[in-house]
Amino acid sequence: MPRWIVRLAVALLPLLATILFAFLTMEGHLNFGGGEKDLFLSVPLLLWSAVFLFSSLIAWWRGVKLGRAAVMSAILATGFVVLLWVSALAYMLMQSPPG
């Protein structure tokens, strides 16, 4: 199998898994007790997988080996989602009325 197919598959796998997760949640095969709100679980996964895909493609373009690129992309994507979560939390805490 050509090496570029493996690299592309590794970069796209989280995005495809997120789409499958969202589809299974919409169809009711996965139920987390929140009704339609269960779909909101896929938003952080979608953000994570998009950042993973983007950073994997950049690492591929720069010539980074596959294993190192996957680890770096996972760390970067996780840091991005955590940064967004902390930023949203700080914003909500600053907007809440005192007392």
N, C-alpha and C. Protein backbone atom coordinates (compact mmCIF):
# COMPACT_ATOMS: atom_id res chain seq x y z
N MET A 1 0.85 -1.18 0.00
CA MET A 1 0.00 0.00 0.00
C MET A 1 0.90 1.24 0.00
N PRO A 2 0.61 2.20 -0.85
CA PRO A 2 1.44 3.41 -0.88
C PRO A 2 1.40 4.16 0.45
N ARG A 3 2.52 4.77 0.74
CA ARG A 3 2.67 5.46 2.02
C ARG A 3 1.72 6.63 2.17
N TRP A 4 1.42 7.32 1.07
CA TRP A 4 0.54 8.49 1.15
C TRP A 4 -0.88 8.10 1.52
N ILE A 5 -1.31 6.90 1.16
CA ILE A 5 -2.65 6.44 1.54
C ILE A 5 -2.72 6.22 3.05
N VAL A 6 -1.68 5.65 3.61
CA VAL A 6 -1.64 5.41 5.06
C VAL A 6 -1.65 6.74 5.80
N ARG A 7 -0.85 7.70 5.35
CA ARG A 7 -0.80 9.00 6.02
C ARG A 7 -2.14 9.72 5.93
N LEU A 8 -2.76 9.67 4.78
CA LEU A 8 -4.05 10.31 4.60
C LEU A 8 -5.12 9.61 5.46
N ALA A 9 -5.05 8.29 5.55
CA ALA A 9 -6.00 7.55 6.37
C ALA A 9 -5.85 7.90 7.85
N VAL A 10 -4.61 8.02 8.31
CA VAL A 10 -4.37 8.38 9.72
C VAL A 10 -4.87 9.80 9.99
N ALA A 11 -4.70 10.69 9.04
CA ALA A 11 -5.15 12.07 9.23
C ALA A 11 -6.68 12.17 9.23
N LEU A 12 -7.34 11.36 8.41
CA LEU A 12 -8.80 11.45 8.27
C LEU A 12 -9.58 10.56 9.25
N LEU A 13 -8.92 9.59 9.85
CA LEU A 13 -9.62 8.64 10.72
C LEU A 13 -10.41 9.29 11.86
N PRO A 14 -9.86 10.25 12.61
CA PRO A 14 -10.66 10.86 13.68
C PRO A 14 -11.89 11.61 13.15
N LEU A 15 -11.75 12.26 12.01
CA LEU A 15 -12.89 12.98 11.43
C LEU A 15 -13.98 12.00 11.00
N LEU A 16 -13.60 10.91 10.39
CA LEU A 16 -14.58 9.91 9.98
C LEU A 16 -15.24 9.26 11.20
N ALA A 17 -14.47 9.02 12.25
CA ALA A 17 -15.04 8.45 13.48
C ALA A 17 -16.02 9.43 14.13
N THR A 18 -15.72 10.72 14.07
CA THR A 18 -16.62 11.73 14.63
C THR A 18 -17.92 11.79 13.85
N ILE A 19 -17.82 11.72 12.53
CA ILE A 19 -19.03 11.72 11.70
C ILE A 19 -19.87 10.48 12.00
N LEU A 20 -19.23 9.34 12.15
CA LEU A 20 -19.95 8.11 12.51
C LEU A 20 -20.61 8.24 13.88
N PHE A 21 -19.90 8.82 14.85
CA PHE A 21 -20.45 9.03 16.18
C PHE A 21 -21.68 9.93 16.13
N ALA A 22 -21.59 11.03 15.37
CA ALA A 22 -22.73 11.94 15.26
C ALA A 22 -23.91 11.26 14.57
N PHE A 23 -23.63 10.49 13.53
CA PHE A 23 -24.71 9.78 12.84
C PHE A 23 -25.40 8.77 13.76
N LEU A 24 -24.61 7.99 14.48
CA LEU A 24 -25.20 7.00 15.39
C LEU A 24 -25.98 7.67 16.51
N THR A 25 -25.53 8.84 16.94
CA THR A 25 -26.27 9.57 17.97
C THR A 25 -27.57 10.13 17.41
N MET A 26 -27.54 10.66 16.19
CA MET A 26 -28.75 11.21 15.58
C MET A 26 -29.79 10.12 15.33
N GLU A 27 -29.34 8.94 14.95
CA GLU A 27 -30.26 7.85 14.65
C GLU A 27 -30.78 7.16 15.90
N GLY A 28 -30.22 7.48 17.06
CA GLY A 28 -30.70 6.91 18.31
C GLY A 28 -30.01 5.62 18.71
N HIS A 29 -28.98 5.20 17.97
CA HIS A 29 -28.26 3.98 18.34
C HIS A 29 -27.37 4.22 19.55
N LEU A 30 -26.93 5.45 19.72
CA LEU A 30 -26.19 5.85 20.91
C LEU A 30 -27.06 6.83 21.67
N ASN A 31 -27.31 6.55 22.93
CA ASN A 31 -28.18 7.39 23.73
C ASN A 31 -27.49 7.68 25.06
N PHE A 32 -27.28 8.96 25.32
CA PHE A 32 -26.63 9.37 26.56
C PHE A 32 -27.60 10.05 27.52
N GLY A 33 -28.88 9.93 27.25
CA GLY A 33 -29.90 10.43 28.15
C GLY A 33 -30.24 11.89 27.99
N GLY A 34 -29.75 12.54 26.95
CA GLY A 34 -29.99 13.97 26.80
C GLY A 34 -30.87 14.33 25.63
N GLY A 35 -31.40 13.35 24.93
CA GLY A 35 -32.22 13.64 23.77
C GLY A 35 -31.39 14.28 22.66
N GLU A 36 -31.89 15.39 22.13
CA GLU A 36 -31.17 16.07 21.06
C GLU A 36 -29.89 16.73 21.55
N LYS A 37 -29.80 16.94 22.85
CA LYS A 37 -28.60 17.56 23.40
C LYS A 37 -27.38 16.63 23.30
N ASP A 38 -27.62 15.35 23.04
CA ASP A 38 -26.50 14.43 22.87
C ASP A 38 -25.62 14.81 21.69
N LEU A 39 -26.19 15.47 20.71
CA LEU A 39 -25.39 15.87 19.55
C LEU A 39 -24.32 16.88 19.93
N PHE A 40 -24.52 17.62 21.02
CA PHE A 40 -23.51 18.58 21.45
C PHE A 40 -22.23 17.90 21.89
N LEU A 41 -22.30 16.60 22.20
CA LEU A 41 -21.09 15.86 22.53
C LEU A 41 -20.16 15.74 21.34
N SER A 42 -20.72 15.81 20.15
CA SER A 42 -19.87 15.66 18.97
C SER A 42 -19.15 16.95 18.59
N VAL A 43 -19.54 18.10 19.13
CA VAL A 43 -18.90 19.36 18.77
C VAL A 43 -17.42 19.39 19.21
N PRO A 44 -17.08 19.06 20.46
CA PRO A 44 -15.65 19.04 20.81
C PRO A 44 -14.88 17.99 20.01
N LEU A 45 -15.51 16.86 19.73
CA LEU A 45 -14.85 15.84 18.92
C LEU A 45 -14.61 16.35 17.50
N LEU A 46 -15.56 17.08 16.97
CA LEU A 46 -15.41 17.63 15.63
C LEU A 46 -14.28 18.66 15.59
N LEU A 47 -14.23 19.52 16.59
CA LEU A 47 -13.13 20.50 16.66
C LEU A 47 -11.78 19.80 16.79
N TRP A 48 -11.73 18.79 17.66
CA TRP A 48 -10.49 18.04 17.87
C TRP A 48 -10.03 17.39 16.58
N SER A 49 -10.95 16.74 15.89
CA SER A 49 -10.57 16.02 14.68
C SER A 49 -10.20 16.97 13.55
N ALA A 50 -10.83 18.15 13.49
CA ALA A 50 -10.46 19.12 12.46
C ALA A 50 -9.05 19.66 12.70
N VAL A 51 -8.72 19.97 13.94
CA VAL A 51 -7.37 20.44 14.25
C VAL A 51 -6.35 19.33 14.01
N PHE A 52 -6.72 18.10 14.36
CA PHE A 52 -5.84 16.95 14.12
C PHE A 52 -5.57 16.79 12.63
N LEU A 53 -6.61 16.88 11.81
CA LEU A 53 -6.45 16.74 10.37
C LEU A 53 -5.55 17.85 9.82
N PHE A 54 -5.83 19.08 10.20
CA PHE A 54 -5.06 20.22 9.71
C PHE A 54 -3.59 20.11 10.11
N SER A 55 -3.34 19.80 11.37
CA SER A 55 -1.94 19.72 11.82
C SER A 55 -1.24 18.49 11.25
N SER A 56 -1.97 17.40 11.01
CA SER A 56 -1.36 16.23 10.38
C SER A 56 -0.93 16.54 8.96
N LEU A 57 -1.77 17.26 8.24
CA LEU A 57 -1.42 17.63 6.87
C LEU A 57 -0.23 18.57 6.83
N ILE A 58 -0.16 19.50 7.78
CA ILE A 58 1.00 20.40 7.84
C ILE A 58 2.27 19.63 8.18
N ALA A 59 2.17 18.70 9.13
CA ALA A 59 3.33 17.88 9.49
C ALA A 59 3.77 17.02 8.31
N TRP A 60 2.84 16.50 7.56
CA TRP A 60 3.15 15.71 6.37
C TRP A 60 3.87 16.58 5.35
N TRP A 61 3.37 17.79 5.15
CA TRP A 61 3.98 18.72 4.20
C TRP A 61 5.41 19.09 4.61
N ARG A 62 5.63 19.17 5.92
CA ARG A 62 6.96 19.52 6.42
C ARG A 62 7.89 18.33 6.50
N GLY A 63 7.38 17.11 6.23
CA GLY A 63 8.23 15.93 6.19
C GLY A 63 8.45 15.23 7.52
N VAL A 64 7.57 15.45 8.48
CA VAL A 64 7.68 14.80 9.78
C VAL A 64 7.23 13.34 9.64
N LYS A 65 7.91 12.42 10.33
CA LYS A 65 7.54 11.01 10.27
C LYS A 65 6.14 10.80 10.81
N LEU A 66 5.49 9.72 10.38
CA LEU A 66 4.08 9.48 10.68
C LEU A 66 3.80 9.38 12.17
N GLY A 67 4.56 8.60 12.90
CA GLY A 67 4.32 8.44 14.34
C GLY A 67 4.46 9.74 15.10
N ARG A 68 5.53 10.45 14.82
CA ARG A 68 5.76 11.73 15.49
C ARG A 68 4.69 12.75 15.10
N ALA A 69 4.29 12.75 13.83
CA ALA A 69 3.26 13.68 13.37
C ALA A 69 1.93 13.39 14.05
N ALA A 70 1.59 12.12 14.21
CA ALA A 70 0.33 11.77 14.86
C ALA A 70 0.32 12.19 16.32
N VAL A 71 1.42 11.98 17.01
CA VAL A 71 1.50 12.37 18.43
C VAL A 71 1.45 13.88 18.56
N MET A 72 2.21 14.59 17.74
CA MET A 72 2.20 16.05 17.80
C MET A 72 0.82 16.60 17.47
N SER A 73 0.17 16.02 16.49
CA SER A 73 -1.17 16.49 16.10
C SER A 73 -2.18 16.23 17.21
N ALA A 74 -2.09 15.08 17.86
CA ALA A 74 -3.01 14.77 18.96
C ALA A 74 -2.80 15.73 20.13
N ILE A 75 -1.55 16.01 20.44
CA ILE A 75 -1.27 16.95 21.54
C ILE A 75 -1.77 18.35 21.20
N LEU A 76 -1.53 18.78 19.98
CA LEU A 76 -1.98 20.11 19.55
C LEU A 76 -3.50 20.20 19.55
N ALA A 77 -4.17 19.18 19.05
CA ALA A 77 -5.63 19.19 19.01
C ALA A 77 -6.22 19.18 20.42
N THR A 78 -5.64 18.39 21.31
CA THR A 78 -6.13 18.34 22.69
C THR A 78 -5.91 19.69 23.38
N GLY A 79 -4.75 20.28 23.17
CA GLY A 79 -4.48 21.59 23.76
C GLY A 79 -5.43 22.65 23.24
N PHE A 80 -5.77 22.59 21.95
CA PHE A 80 -6.70 23.55 21.36
C PHE A 80 -8.08 23.42 22.00
N VAL A 81 -8.58 22.19 22.14
CA VAL A 81 -9.91 22.00 22.72
C VAL A 81 -9.92 22.41 24.19
N VAL A 82 -8.86 22.10 24.92
CA VAL A 82 -8.78 22.50 26.33
C VAL A 82 -8.71 24.02 26.44
N LEU A 83 -7.94 24.67 25.57
CA LEU A 83 -7.86 26.12 25.58
C LEU A 83 -9.22 26.76 25.31
N LEU A 84 -9.96 26.23 24.35
CA LEU A 84 -11.30 26.75 24.08
C LEU A 84 -12.22 26.55 25.28
N TRP A 85 -12.13 25.38 25.91
CA TRP A 85 -12.98 25.09 27.07
C TRP A 85 -12.66 26.04 28.22
N VAL A 86 -11.38 26.23 28.51
CA VAL A 86 -10.98 27.12 29.60
C VAL A 86 -11.38 28.56 29.28
N SER A 87 -11.23 28.97 28.02
CA SER A 87 -11.63 30.32 27.63
C SER A 87 -13.14 30.52 27.79
N ALA A 88 -13.93 29.54 27.39
CA ALA A 88 -15.38 29.64 27.54
C ALA A 88 -15.77 29.66 29.02
N LEU A 89 -15.10 28.86 29.82
CA LEU A 89 -15.37 28.85 31.26
C LEU A 89 -15.03 30.20 31.89
N ALA A 90 -13.89 30.75 31.53
CA ALA A 90 -13.49 32.06 32.07
C ALA A 90 -14.47 33.14 31.63
N TYR A 91 -14.90 33.09 30.39
CA TYR A 91 -15.87 34.07 29.90
C TYR A 91 -17.19 33.97 30.66
N MET A 92 -17.66 32.75 30.87
CA MET A 92 -18.92 32.57 31.61
C MET A 92 -18.79 33.03 33.05
N LEU A 93 -17.66 32.78 33.67
CA LEU A 93 -17.47 33.21 35.06
C LEU A 93 -17.38 34.73 35.16
N MET A 94 -16.83 35.37 34.15
CA MET A 94 -16.74 36.82 34.16
C MET A 94 -18.09 37.47 33.88
N GLN A 95 -18.98 36.78 33.21
CA GLN A 95 -20.28 37.33 32.87
C GLN A 95 -21.32 37.12 33.97
N SER A 96 -21.06 36.20 34.87
CA SER A 96 -22.03 35.92 35.92
C SER A 96 -22.10 37.09 36.90
N PRO A 97 -23.29 37.40 37.40
CA PRO A 97 -23.42 38.50 38.35
C PRO A 97 -22.75 38.16 39.68
N PRO A 98 -22.21 39.16 40.35
CA PRO A 98 -21.54 38.89 41.64
C PRO A 98 -22.56 38.48 42.70
N GLY A 99 -22.07 37.66 43.60
CA GLY A 99 -22.91 37.27 44.72
C GLY A 99 -23.56 36.02 44.47
